[in-house]
N, C-alpha and C. Protein backbone atom coordinates (compact mmCIF):
# COMPACT_ATOMS: atom_id res chain seq x y z
N MET A 1 58.48 68.08 158.18
CA MET A 1 59.72 69.03 158.10
C MET A 1 60.88 68.47 159.41
N GLY A 2 61.48 68.26 159.38
CA GLY A 2 62.79 67.70 160.46
C GLY A 2 62.67 69.14 161.49
N LEU A 3 63.43 68.39 163.06
CA LEU A 3 63.44 69.10 164.07
C LEU A 3 63.94 70.66 164.33
N ARG A 4 64.89 70.92 162.39
CA ARG A 4 65.77 71.70 162.63
C ARG A 4 65.20 72.40 161.66
N GLU A 5 64.12 72.66 160.96
CA GLU A 5 63.81 73.17 159.93
C GLU A 5 62.19 73.85 160.77
N ARG A 6 61.37 73.06 161.90
CA ARG A 6 61.37 73.65 162.93
C ARG A 6 60.76 75.32 163.64
N LYS A 7 62.20 74.82 163.76
CA LYS A 7 63.13 75.36 164.91
C LYS A 7 63.19 76.70 163.50
N LYS A 8 63.18 76.84 162.53
CA LYS A 8 63.75 77.63 161.76
C LYS A 8 61.90 78.46 161.37
N GLU A 9 61.36 77.67 161.63
CA GLU A 9 60.30 78.41 160.94
C GLU A 9 59.63 79.54 162.21
N LYS A 10 59.20 78.78 163.54
CA LYS A 10 59.48 79.07 164.93
C LYS A 10 59.74 80.50 165.22
N THR A 11 61.43 80.70 164.21
CA THR A 11 62.00 82.01 164.83
C THR A 11 61.64 83.06 163.44
N ARG A 12 61.13 82.21 162.21
CA ARG A 12 60.22 83.12 161.16
C ARG A 12 59.72 83.75 161.37
N LEU A 13 58.07 83.19 162.30
CA LEU A 13 57.56 83.51 162.27
C LEU A 13 57.57 84.27 163.57
N ALA A 14 57.67 84.14 164.94
CA ALA A 14 58.46 85.23 165.82
C ALA A 14 58.88 86.48 165.71
N LEU A 15 59.86 86.48 164.33
CA LEU A 15 60.31 87.76 163.64
C LEU A 15 59.29 88.66 163.57
N LEU A 16 58.13 87.74 162.91
CA LEU A 16 57.51 88.37 161.57
C LEU A 16 56.38 88.94 163.09
N ASP A 17 56.03 88.13 163.79
CA ASP A 17 55.10 88.40 164.47
C ASP A 17 55.57 89.76 165.60
N ALA A 18 56.30 89.91 165.63
CA ALA A 18 57.19 90.82 166.30
C ALA A 18 57.41 92.51 165.18
N ALA A 19 57.74 92.20 164.51
CA ALA A 19 57.84 93.38 163.52
C ALA A 19 56.03 93.87 163.10
N LEU A 20 55.43 93.18 163.15
CA LEU A 20 53.86 93.68 162.80
C LEU A 20 53.49 94.63 164.12
N SER A 21 53.92 93.42 164.65
CA SER A 21 53.26 94.37 166.16
C SER A 21 53.42 96.01 166.23
N LEU A 22 55.25 95.55 166.35
CA LEU A 22 55.69 96.91 166.55
C LEU A 22 55.82 97.85 165.59
N PHE A 23 55.13 97.56 164.07
CA PHE A 23 55.05 98.66 163.04
C PHE A 23 53.55 99.25 163.41
N LEU A 24 53.16 98.04 164.32
CA LEU A 24 51.56 99.40 164.31
C LEU A 24 51.68 100.16 165.52
N GLU A 25 52.82 99.81 166.71
CA GLU A 25 52.18 100.38 167.67
C GLU A 25 52.96 101.59 167.83
N GLN A 26 53.78 101.12 167.40
CA GLN A 26 55.51 102.58 167.21
C GLN A 26 55.73 103.67 165.64
N GLY A 27 54.99 102.76 164.25
CA GLY A 27 55.30 102.84 163.25
C GLY A 27 56.01 102.57 162.24
N TYR A 28 55.92 102.29 161.22
CA TYR A 28 56.81 101.19 159.93
C TYR A 28 58.11 102.40 159.82
N GLU A 29 58.17 103.21 160.11
CA GLU A 29 59.58 103.78 159.57
C GLU A 29 60.03 104.19 160.99
N SER A 30 59.71 104.37 162.14
CA SER A 30 60.22 104.23 163.39
C SER A 30 60.56 102.84 164.46
N THR A 31 59.96 101.60 163.80
CA THR A 31 60.91 101.18 163.77
C THR A 31 61.96 100.03 163.53
N THR A 32 63.13 98.88 164.17
CA THR A 32 64.01 99.50 163.50
C THR A 32 64.73 97.56 163.22
N VAL A 33 64.94 96.95 162.92
CA VAL A 33 65.49 95.91 162.92
C VAL A 33 66.15 95.56 163.81
N GLU A 34 67.33 96.02 164.56
CA GLU A 34 67.51 95.79 166.23
C GLU A 34 66.72 95.70 167.20
N GLN A 35 65.53 96.38 167.02
CA GLN A 35 64.39 95.75 167.54
C GLN A 35 63.86 94.86 167.59
N ILE A 36 62.63 94.66 166.35
CA ILE A 36 62.52 93.69 165.76
C ILE A 36 63.51 92.30 166.43
N ALA A 37 64.60 92.23 165.61
CA ALA A 37 65.24 90.78 166.80
C ALA A 37 65.17 90.79 168.18
N GLY A 38 65.00 92.18 169.19
CA GLY A 38 65.70 92.32 169.80
C GLY A 38 63.99 91.33 170.44
N VAL A 39 63.36 91.76 170.31
CA VAL A 39 62.07 91.06 170.78
C VAL A 39 61.99 89.57 170.74
N VAL A 40 62.99 88.65 169.68
CA VAL A 40 62.52 88.14 169.55
C VAL A 40 64.20 86.96 170.33
N ASP A 41 64.32 88.32 171.15
CA ASP A 41 65.54 87.54 171.74
C ASP A 41 67.35 87.11 170.51
N VAL A 42 67.39 87.18 169.41
CA VAL A 42 68.08 86.62 168.71
C VAL A 42 68.79 88.25 167.85
N SER A 43 70.21 88.24 167.31
CA SER A 43 70.71 89.51 166.87
C SER A 43 70.56 89.66 165.45
N PRO A 44 70.67 91.06 165.04
CA PRO A 44 70.63 91.42 163.77
C PRO A 44 70.39 90.56 162.98
N ARG A 45 72.10 90.03 162.69
CA ARG A 45 73.07 89.02 161.74
C ARG A 45 71.35 87.77 161.35
N THR A 46 71.12 87.65 163.16
CA THR A 46 70.25 85.97 162.51
C THR A 46 68.86 86.91 161.82
N PHE A 47 68.09 87.82 162.12
CA PHE A 47 67.08 88.48 161.12
C PHE A 47 67.62 88.22 159.75
N PHE A 48 68.20 88.97 159.21
CA PHE A 48 69.09 89.06 157.90
C PHE A 48 70.05 87.10 157.41
N ARG A 49 68.86 86.47 158.19
CA ARG A 49 69.22 84.95 157.76
C ARG A 49 67.56 84.25 157.37
N TYR A 50 66.71 85.42 157.87
CA TYR A 50 65.39 85.08 157.80
C TYR A 50 64.75 86.20 156.04
N PHE A 51 64.88 87.51 156.41
CA PHE A 51 64.11 88.61 156.02
C PHE A 51 65.54 89.17 155.51
N THR A 52 65.01 89.95 154.04
CA THR A 52 66.11 90.87 153.79
C THR A 52 66.20 92.22 154.55
N SER A 53 65.25 92.47 154.58
CA SER A 53 65.02 93.89 154.98
C SER A 53 63.10 94.11 155.78
N LYS A 54 63.49 94.82 156.60
CA LYS A 54 61.86 95.70 156.80
C LYS A 54 60.76 95.32 155.69
N ASP A 55 61.15 95.67 154.43
CA ASP A 55 60.82 95.44 153.35
C ASP A 55 60.19 94.16 153.25
N HIS A 56 60.75 93.25 152.78
CA HIS A 56 60.84 92.10 153.13
C HIS A 56 59.90 90.95 154.15
N LEU A 57 59.46 91.70 155.42
CA LEU A 57 58.92 91.56 156.25
C LEU A 57 57.61 91.67 155.46
N VAL A 58 56.93 92.56 155.19
CA VAL A 58 55.59 92.87 155.09
C VAL A 58 54.88 92.54 153.71
N LEU A 59 55.94 91.77 152.33
CA LEU A 59 55.43 91.34 151.50
C LEU A 59 55.51 89.61 152.12
N TRP A 60 55.50 88.84 152.70
CA TRP A 60 55.71 87.93 153.32
C TRP A 60 54.30 87.17 152.88
N PHE A 61 53.03 87.65 153.06
CA PHE A 61 52.07 86.93 151.86
C PHE A 61 52.03 86.42 150.25
N HIS A 62 52.71 87.79 149.96
CA HIS A 62 52.79 87.13 148.23
C HIS A 62 54.35 86.40 147.87
N ASP A 63 55.02 86.85 148.76
CA ASP A 63 56.11 85.29 148.99
C ASP A 63 54.87 84.28 148.59
N HIS A 64 54.61 83.41 149.68
CA HIS A 64 53.42 82.36 150.29
C HIS A 64 52.83 82.40 149.28
N ALA A 65 52.10 83.09 148.51
CA ALA A 65 51.14 83.48 147.18
C ALA A 65 51.56 83.09 146.39
N GLU A 66 52.80 83.66 146.16
CA GLU A 66 53.87 82.96 144.70
C GLU A 66 53.79 81.88 144.78
N GLU A 67 54.96 81.33 146.00
CA GLU A 67 55.10 80.03 145.73
C GLU A 67 53.97 79.46 145.66
N ILE A 68 52.61 79.29 145.82
CA ILE A 68 51.25 78.51 146.04
C ILE A 68 51.05 78.36 144.60
N LEU A 69 50.79 79.60 144.04
CA LEU A 69 50.29 79.79 142.44
C LEU A 69 51.95 79.44 141.74
N LEU A 70 52.76 79.51 142.01
CA LEU A 70 53.29 78.51 140.56
C LEU A 70 53.19 77.12 140.46
N GLU A 71 53.54 76.76 141.93
CA GLU A 71 53.37 75.61 141.75
C GLU A 71 52.37 74.98 141.30
N THR A 72 51.13 75.59 141.70
CA THR A 72 49.21 74.95 140.91
C THR A 72 49.67 74.57 139.46
N LEU A 73 49.94 76.80 139.56
CA LEU A 73 50.43 76.48 137.50
C LEU A 73 51.43 75.97 137.18
N GLU A 74 52.19 75.38 137.53
CA GLU A 74 52.74 74.34 136.51
C GLU A 74 52.75 72.58 137.18
N SER A 75 51.65 72.70 137.45
CA SER A 75 51.12 70.78 137.82
C SER A 75 49.59 70.93 137.57
N ARG A 76 49.18 71.91 136.70
CA ARG A 76 47.21 71.78 136.12
C ARG A 76 48.35 70.87 135.11
N PRO A 77 47.81 70.21 134.17
CA PRO A 77 46.90 69.39 132.71
C PRO A 77 47.66 70.18 131.86
N PRO A 78 48.66 70.08 130.81
CA PRO A 78 48.73 70.35 129.80
C PRO A 78 47.55 70.92 128.87
N GLU A 79 46.80 70.18 128.27
CA GLU A 79 45.95 70.45 128.30
C GLU A 79 44.91 71.40 128.25
N GLU A 80 44.79 71.65 129.67
CA GLU A 80 43.86 72.96 129.86
C GLU A 80 44.25 74.35 129.50
N SER A 81 42.80 74.61 129.27
CA SER A 81 43.30 76.46 128.35
C SER A 81 44.01 76.65 130.05
N PRO A 82 44.53 77.57 129.35
CA PRO A 82 45.97 78.75 130.52
C PRO A 82 44.92 79.90 131.59
N PHE A 83 44.32 80.13 130.84
CA PHE A 83 42.99 80.82 132.05
C PHE A 83 42.01 80.30 132.95
N THR A 84 41.60 78.49 132.92
CA THR A 84 41.16 77.50 133.74
C THR A 84 42.21 77.29 134.40
N ALA A 85 44.08 76.69 133.87
CA ALA A 85 44.80 76.64 135.21
C ALA A 85 45.27 78.19 135.49
N MET A 86 45.33 78.84 135.11
CA MET A 86 45.29 80.42 135.86
C MET A 86 43.89 80.59 137.16
N MET A 87 42.83 79.87 137.15
CA MET A 87 41.78 79.98 137.52
C MET A 87 42.25 78.93 139.36
N HIS A 88 42.48 78.02 138.57
CA HIS A 88 42.62 76.81 139.33
C HIS A 88 44.16 77.19 140.81
N ALA A 89 44.77 77.93 139.94
CA ALA A 89 46.11 78.31 141.25
C ALA A 89 45.59 79.23 141.73
N ILE A 90 44.99 80.32 141.03
CA ILE A 90 43.97 81.18 142.66
C ILE A 90 43.73 80.59 143.92
N ARG A 91 42.34 79.29 143.54
CA ARG A 91 41.45 79.09 144.01
C ARG A 91 42.40 77.88 144.90
N ALA A 92 43.57 78.12 144.38
CA ALA A 92 44.01 76.84 145.41
C ALA A 92 45.46 77.96 146.21
N VAL A 93 45.27 78.94 146.18
CA VAL A 93 45.77 80.55 147.46
C VAL A 93 44.30 80.27 148.22
N ILE A 94 43.32 80.42 148.16
CA ILE A 94 42.40 80.19 148.93
C ILE A 94 41.65 79.21 149.74
N ASP A 95 42.34 78.22 149.02
CA ASP A 95 41.91 77.14 149.56
C ASP A 95 42.92 76.97 151.22
N ASP A 96 44.47 77.50 150.58
CA ASP A 96 44.86 77.11 151.48
C ASP A 96 45.02 78.50 152.41
N LEU A 97 43.91 80.08 152.13
CA LEU A 97 43.61 80.71 153.53
C LEU A 97 43.01 79.96 154.41
N GLU A 98 41.65 78.91 153.62
CA GLU A 98 40.50 78.05 154.18
C GLU A 98 41.36 77.66 155.67
N GLY A 99 42.63 77.02 155.63
CA GLY A 99 42.66 76.18 156.70
C GLY A 99 43.59 76.81 157.15
N ALA A 100 44.08 78.71 157.36
CA ALA A 100 44.80 79.18 158.42
C ALA A 100 44.21 79.16 159.78
N THR A 101 44.85 78.66 160.27
CA THR A 101 45.22 78.94 162.08
C THR A 101 44.81 80.03 162.83
N PRO A 102 44.12 80.57 163.64
CA PRO A 102 44.03 81.94 164.61
C PRO A 102 45.15 82.82 164.79
N GLU A 103 46.03 82.59 164.44
CA GLU A 103 47.88 83.03 164.37
C GLU A 103 48.10 83.42 162.92
N GLU A 104 47.58 82.41 161.94
CA GLU A 104 47.44 83.02 160.84
C GLU A 104 46.71 84.20 160.39
N SER A 105 45.62 83.80 160.97
CA SER A 105 44.06 85.05 160.45
C SER A 105 44.71 86.35 161.86
N ASP A 106 45.41 86.19 162.49
CA ASP A 106 45.91 87.75 163.14
C ASP A 106 46.98 88.32 162.42
N ARG A 107 47.41 87.65 161.47
CA ARG A 107 48.94 88.65 160.99
C ARG A 107 48.19 88.38 159.84
N PHE A 108 47.79 88.42 159.19
CA PHE A 108 46.91 88.35 157.97
C PHE A 108 45.92 89.64 158.80
N GLN A 109 45.02 90.26 159.28
CA GLN A 109 44.38 91.04 159.58
C GLN A 109 45.79 92.61 160.05
N LYS A 110 46.71 91.70 160.59
CA LYS A 110 47.94 93.10 161.29
C LYS A 110 48.20 93.29 159.41
N LEU A 111 48.19 92.91 159.14
CA LEU A 111 48.84 93.27 157.02
C LEU A 111 48.40 94.23 156.81
N ARG A 112 46.96 93.92 156.87
CA ARG A 112 46.03 94.90 155.71
C ARG A 112 45.71 96.33 156.87
N ARG A 113 45.83 96.40 158.05
CA ARG A 113 45.68 97.35 158.87
C ARG A 113 47.46 98.27 159.02
N LEU A 114 48.20 97.73 158.77
CA LEU A 114 49.72 98.25 158.65
C LEU A 114 49.18 98.47 157.07
N MET A 115 48.95 97.91 155.96
CA MET A 115 48.82 98.37 154.79
C MET A 115 48.33 99.67 154.72
N ASP A 116 47.05 99.52 155.26
CA ASP A 116 46.34 100.72 155.02
C ASP A 116 46.49 101.89 156.32
N GLU A 117 47.47 101.89 157.34
CA GLU A 117 48.06 103.02 157.76
C GLU A 117 49.65 103.53 157.21
N HIS A 118 49.81 103.01 156.01
CA HIS A 118 51.15 102.95 155.88
C HIS A 118 51.17 102.97 154.35
N PRO A 119 50.11 104.21 153.27
CA PRO A 119 50.19 103.90 152.32
C PRO A 119 51.16 103.88 151.22
N HIS A 120 52.21 104.31 151.65
CA HIS A 120 53.60 103.89 150.48
C HIS A 120 53.78 103.03 150.54
N LEU A 121 53.63 101.92 151.82
CA LEU A 121 54.12 100.23 152.08
C LEU A 121 53.22 99.88 150.15
N VAL A 122 51.89 100.23 149.77
CA VAL A 122 51.37 99.85 149.13
C VAL A 122 52.66 99.45 147.38
N GLY A 123 52.88 100.83 147.06
CA GLY A 123 53.15 100.69 145.50
C GLY A 123 54.08 99.69 146.49
N GLN A 124 55.27 99.69 147.09
CA GLN A 124 56.33 97.56 147.37
C GLN A 124 55.45 96.63 147.05
N SER A 125 54.00 96.61 147.71
CA SER A 125 52.89 95.31 147.30
C SER A 125 52.85 95.49 146.01
N VAL A 126 52.12 96.11 145.06
CA VAL A 126 52.29 96.52 144.04
C VAL A 126 53.29 96.64 142.34
N ALA A 127 54.55 96.76 143.02
CA ALA A 127 55.65 96.39 142.52
C ALA A 127 56.01 94.61 142.38
N ARG A 128 55.43 93.90 143.85
CA ARG A 128 55.79 93.04 144.07
C ARG A 128 54.86 92.27 142.99
N GLY A 129 53.83 92.40 143.31
CA GLY A 129 52.69 91.86 142.72
C GLY A 129 53.12 91.55 141.18
N ALA A 130 53.57 93.08 140.62
CA ALA A 130 54.13 93.01 139.32
C ALA A 130 54.77 91.80 139.04
N HIS A 131 56.25 91.66 139.86
CA HIS A 131 57.15 90.30 139.57
C HIS A 131 56.68 89.12 139.32
N THR A 132 55.25 88.70 140.69
CA THR A 132 54.93 87.62 140.14
C THR A 132 53.46 87.36 138.86
N GLU A 133 53.16 88.37 138.99
CA GLU A 133 52.85 88.37 137.21
C GLU A 133 53.43 87.91 136.39
N ARG A 134 54.89 88.48 135.97
CA ARG A 134 55.33 88.14 135.34
C ARG A 134 56.04 86.92 135.05
N ARG A 135 56.39 86.30 136.21
CA ARG A 135 56.28 85.13 136.46
C ARG A 135 55.60 84.04 135.91
N LEU A 136 54.15 84.57 136.19
CA LEU A 136 53.57 83.59 135.86
C LEU A 136 53.14 83.59 134.01
N ALA A 137 52.80 84.26 133.61
CA ALA A 137 52.73 85.47 132.08
C ALA A 137 53.84 83.84 131.36
N GLU A 138 54.99 84.36 131.89
CA GLU A 138 55.93 83.28 131.06
C GLU A 138 55.99 81.95 131.42
N MET A 139 54.96 81.67 132.61
CA MET A 139 54.79 79.93 132.37
C MET A 139 53.77 79.50 131.35
N VAL A 140 52.31 80.27 131.33
CA VAL A 140 51.73 80.50 130.88
C VAL A 140 51.76 79.83 129.03
N ALA A 141 52.68 81.41 128.63
CA ALA A 141 54.04 81.93 127.75
C ALA A 141 54.27 80.34 127.13
N ALA A 142 55.23 79.81 127.88
CA ALA A 142 55.54 78.22 127.60
C ALA A 142 54.45 77.34 127.43
N ARG A 143 52.97 77.15 128.36
CA ARG A 143 52.22 76.55 128.30
C ARG A 143 51.38 76.66 126.22
N ARG A 144 51.46 78.14 126.09
CA ARG A 144 51.64 77.77 124.97
C ARG A 144 51.93 78.38 123.37
N GLY A 145 53.33 77.99 123.95
CA GLY A 145 54.23 77.33 123.43
C GLY A 145 54.88 78.86 122.48
N THR A 146 54.73 79.67 123.28
CA THR A 146 55.14 81.18 122.64
C THR A 146 56.06 81.71 123.85
N GLU A 147 56.44 82.62 122.98
CA GLU A 147 57.37 83.33 123.83
C GLU A 147 56.72 84.12 124.26
N PRO A 148 57.00 84.38 125.95
CA PRO A 148 56.67 85.54 126.94
C PRO A 148 56.91 86.95 126.22
N ASP A 149 57.85 87.31 125.77
CA ASP A 149 58.10 88.72 125.29
C ASP A 149 57.41 89.05 124.13
N ALA A 150 57.16 88.51 123.61
CA ALA A 150 56.17 88.55 122.20
C ALA A 150 54.91 87.92 122.41
N ASP A 151 54.45 88.14 123.69
CA ASP A 151 53.06 87.66 123.64
C ASP A 151 52.26 88.40 125.13
N GLN A 152 51.95 88.83 124.26
CA GLN A 152 50.76 90.18 124.82
C GLN A 152 49.76 89.29 125.15
N LEU A 153 49.29 88.61 125.13
CA LEU A 153 47.47 87.30 125.65
C LEU A 153 47.79 86.94 126.69
N SER A 154 49.38 86.39 126.82
CA SER A 154 49.69 84.87 128.34
C SER A 154 49.46 86.59 129.15
N TYR A 155 50.21 88.02 129.14
CA TYR A 155 50.00 88.72 129.41
C TYR A 155 48.73 88.82 130.25
N LEU A 156 48.13 89.27 129.39
CA LEU A 156 46.50 89.79 129.15
C LEU A 156 45.66 88.34 129.72
N ILE A 157 45.85 87.32 129.70
CA ILE A 157 45.36 85.96 130.60
C ILE A 157 45.55 86.53 132.42
N VAL A 158 46.85 86.47 132.52
CA VAL A 158 47.50 86.49 133.36
C VAL A 158 46.34 87.43 134.18
N ALA A 159 46.70 88.95 133.50
CA ALA A 159 46.18 90.26 134.53
C ALA A 159 44.46 89.86 134.63
N PHE A 160 44.14 89.04 133.36
CA PHE A 160 42.55 88.94 134.10
C PHE A 160 41.97 88.09 134.87
N ALA A 161 43.06 87.10 135.00
CA ALA A 161 42.97 85.86 136.00
C ALA A 161 43.09 86.93 138.25
N MET A 162 44.52 87.25 137.53
CA MET A 162 45.04 87.75 139.14
C MET A 162 43.88 88.84 139.31
N SER A 163 43.18 89.75 138.69
CA SER A 163 42.17 91.21 138.69
C SER A 163 41.24 90.66 139.77
N THR A 164 41.33 89.13 139.51
CA THR A 164 40.23 88.75 140.49
C THR A 164 40.28 88.83 141.83
N MET A 165 41.75 88.06 142.03
CA MET A 165 41.80 88.05 143.59
C MET A 165 42.41 89.49 143.98
N ARG A 166 42.69 90.67 143.68
CA ARG A 166 42.48 92.07 144.18
C ARG A 166 41.79 92.92 144.29
N VAL A 167 40.34 92.22 143.32
CA VAL A 167 38.87 92.80 143.40
C VAL A 167 38.40 92.29 144.14
N GLY A 168 38.22 91.12 144.53
CA GLY A 168 38.15 89.96 145.80
C GLY A 168 38.67 90.72 146.91
N PHE A 169 39.76 91.13 147.43
CA PHE A 169 40.57 91.34 148.68
C PHE A 169 39.79 92.58 148.95
N GLU A 170 39.82 93.60 147.58
CA GLU A 170 39.72 94.76 147.81
C GLU A 170 38.16 95.75 147.84
N CYS A 171 37.62 94.86 146.94
CA CYS A 171 36.25 95.88 146.95
C CYS A 171 34.55 94.79 147.74
N PRO A 172 33.82 94.91 147.98
CA PRO A 172 33.92 96.45 148.00
C PRO A 172 34.60 97.19 149.26
N ARG A 173 34.13 96.44 149.64
CA ARG A 173 35.61 97.47 150.84
C ARG A 173 37.01 96.45 151.14
N ARG A 174 37.66 97.17 152.21
CA ARG A 174 39.05 96.75 152.50
C ARG A 174 39.10 96.05 153.45
N ASP A 175 37.75 96.10 154.20
CA ASP A 175 37.89 95.78 156.07
C ASP A 175 37.04 94.30 155.89
N GLY A 176 37.32 94.01 157.32
CA GLY A 176 36.01 91.99 157.35
C GLY A 176 37.52 91.22 158.52
N THR A 177 36.71 90.47 158.24
CA THR A 177 37.93 89.00 158.41
C THR A 177 38.25 88.64 157.59
N LEU A 178 39.14 87.90 157.54
CA LEU A 178 40.24 86.78 157.04
C LEU A 178 38.95 85.59 156.22
N GLU A 179 37.40 85.03 156.63
CA GLU A 179 37.10 83.99 156.01
C GLU A 179 35.56 85.72 155.26
N GLU A 180 35.46 86.39 155.25
CA GLU A 180 35.14 87.45 154.56
C GLU A 180 35.59 87.76 153.00
N VAL A 181 37.27 87.82 153.72
CA VAL A 181 37.85 88.30 151.97
C VAL A 181 37.88 87.01 151.21
N MET A 182 38.08 85.98 151.62
CA MET A 182 38.19 84.31 151.02
C MET A 182 36.80 84.33 150.91
N ASN A 183 35.84 84.58 151.00
CA ASN A 183 34.65 84.25 150.21
C ASN A 183 34.08 85.49 149.07
N ARG A 184 34.45 86.28 149.35
CA ARG A 184 34.55 87.77 148.40
C ARG A 184 35.40 87.01 147.08
N MET A 185 36.67 86.29 147.41
CA MET A 185 37.53 86.17 146.07
C MET A 185 37.11 85.11 145.67
N SER A 186 36.25 84.05 146.29
CA SER A 186 35.64 82.96 145.58
C SER A 186 34.55 84.05 144.82
N GLU A 187 33.64 84.54 145.13
CA GLU A 187 32.30 84.97 144.41
C GLU A 187 33.12 85.98 143.22
N THR A 188 34.27 86.61 143.57
CA THR A 188 34.55 87.22 142.39
C THR A 188 35.25 86.38 141.34
N ILE A 189 35.83 85.26 141.22
CA ILE A 189 36.48 84.34 140.63
C ILE A 189 35.67 83.69 140.41
N ASP A 190 34.01 83.16 140.53
CA ASP A 190 33.17 82.51 140.08
C ASP A 190 32.32 83.39 139.24
N LEU A 191 32.34 85.01 139.34
CA LEU A 191 31.84 86.20 138.63
C LEU A 191 32.82 86.21 137.08
N ALA A 192 33.94 85.80 137.04
CA ALA A 192 34.82 86.17 136.09
C ALA A 192 34.79 84.97 135.46
N GLU A 193 35.03 83.82 135.96
CA GLU A 193 34.56 82.84 135.19
C GLU A 193 32.77 82.46 134.24
N ARG A 194 31.63 83.20 135.01
CA ARG A 194 30.69 83.09 134.61
C ARG A 194 30.45 84.52 132.89
N SER A 195 31.52 85.36 133.39
CA SER A 195 31.33 86.52 132.52
C SER A 195 32.15 86.25 131.24
N LEU A 196 33.29 85.23 131.36
CA LEU A 196 33.85 85.12 129.71
C LEU A 196 32.23 84.59 128.75
N ARG A 197 32.76 85.36 127.19
CA ARG A 197 31.84 85.55 126.28
C ARG A 197 31.97 83.77 126.01
N PRO A 198 31.08 83.25 125.64
CA PRO A 198 30.89 82.10 125.55
C PRO A 198 30.73 81.99 124.52
N GLY A 199 32.53 80.98 124.00
CA GLY A 199 33.32 80.91 122.85
C GLY A 199 34.23 80.97 122.73
N TRP A 200 34.93 81.85 123.78
CA TRP A 200 35.89 82.68 123.83
C TRP A 200 37.05 81.84 124.29
N ASP A 201 37.44 81.39 123.64
CA ASP A 201 39.01 80.26 124.23
C ASP A 201 40.69 81.14 124.10
N LEU A 202 40.55 81.58 125.84
CA LEU A 202 42.04 82.03 125.23
C LEU A 202 42.88 81.66 124.86
N GLN A 203 42.90 79.57 125.36
CA GLN A 203 44.15 79.61 124.65
C GLN A 203 44.21 79.41 122.99
N SER A 204 43.53 80.05 122.36
CA SER A 204 43.55 79.88 120.71
C SER A 204 42.91 81.26 120.12
N SER A 205 43.49 82.31 120.87
CA SER A 205 43.19 83.30 120.12
C SER A 205 44.64 83.63 119.62
N SER A 206 44.35 84.66 118.46
CA SER A 206 45.29 85.21 117.71
C SER A 206 46.50 85.49 118.08
N ARG A 207 47.68 84.49 117.84
CA ARG A 207 48.86 85.14 118.50
C ARG A 207 49.70 85.89 117.08
N ALA A 208 49.47 86.51 116.29
CA ALA A 208 50.39 87.16 114.90
C ALA A 208 49.99 88.87 115.41
N ARG A 209 49.15 88.51 116.33
CA ARG A 209 48.66 90.06 117.37
C ARG A 209 49.64 91.11 117.68
């Protein structure tokens, strides 16, 4: 990352930190783009170079995780079963979280608090997650040599794999440190892999159904 890119990343993170703090201090609806930009001493126009809206700020973790998922899935060996490849992609997200700095952990915790205090934002998160799952299903279908719009199994593979992340993230409770969340996610992945019926090959299920 060059100097220009580092400066841009610094500004992006400053806007994100300012927004999360303001959202929690005075409420999501009461916070304006102008206020967020003002804390960082930039113009609203500069804000929109980094984020398309306040909603985009809330979904920063989805954007980051999606990038890791897609890149990892694409890099997996073509002969690997789609489900195994998906689980490697999810583990890559956990590996990334394990390398989080104290500042990144703080952002993660603030985002969780924000979601808990403003439930309507959960709907946006769910919609963003559905978009990610569709992109992943298209990649899984390509690995299986099928058309995504006519391939329910590819969507099932992705939905089952991604549910391990959701369950680990939310159950049995939503609170806890980032380290505790990562441990639960890892445990859920292990449980999912052990729970597959012996001999069930997700890659070779009937495609005619």
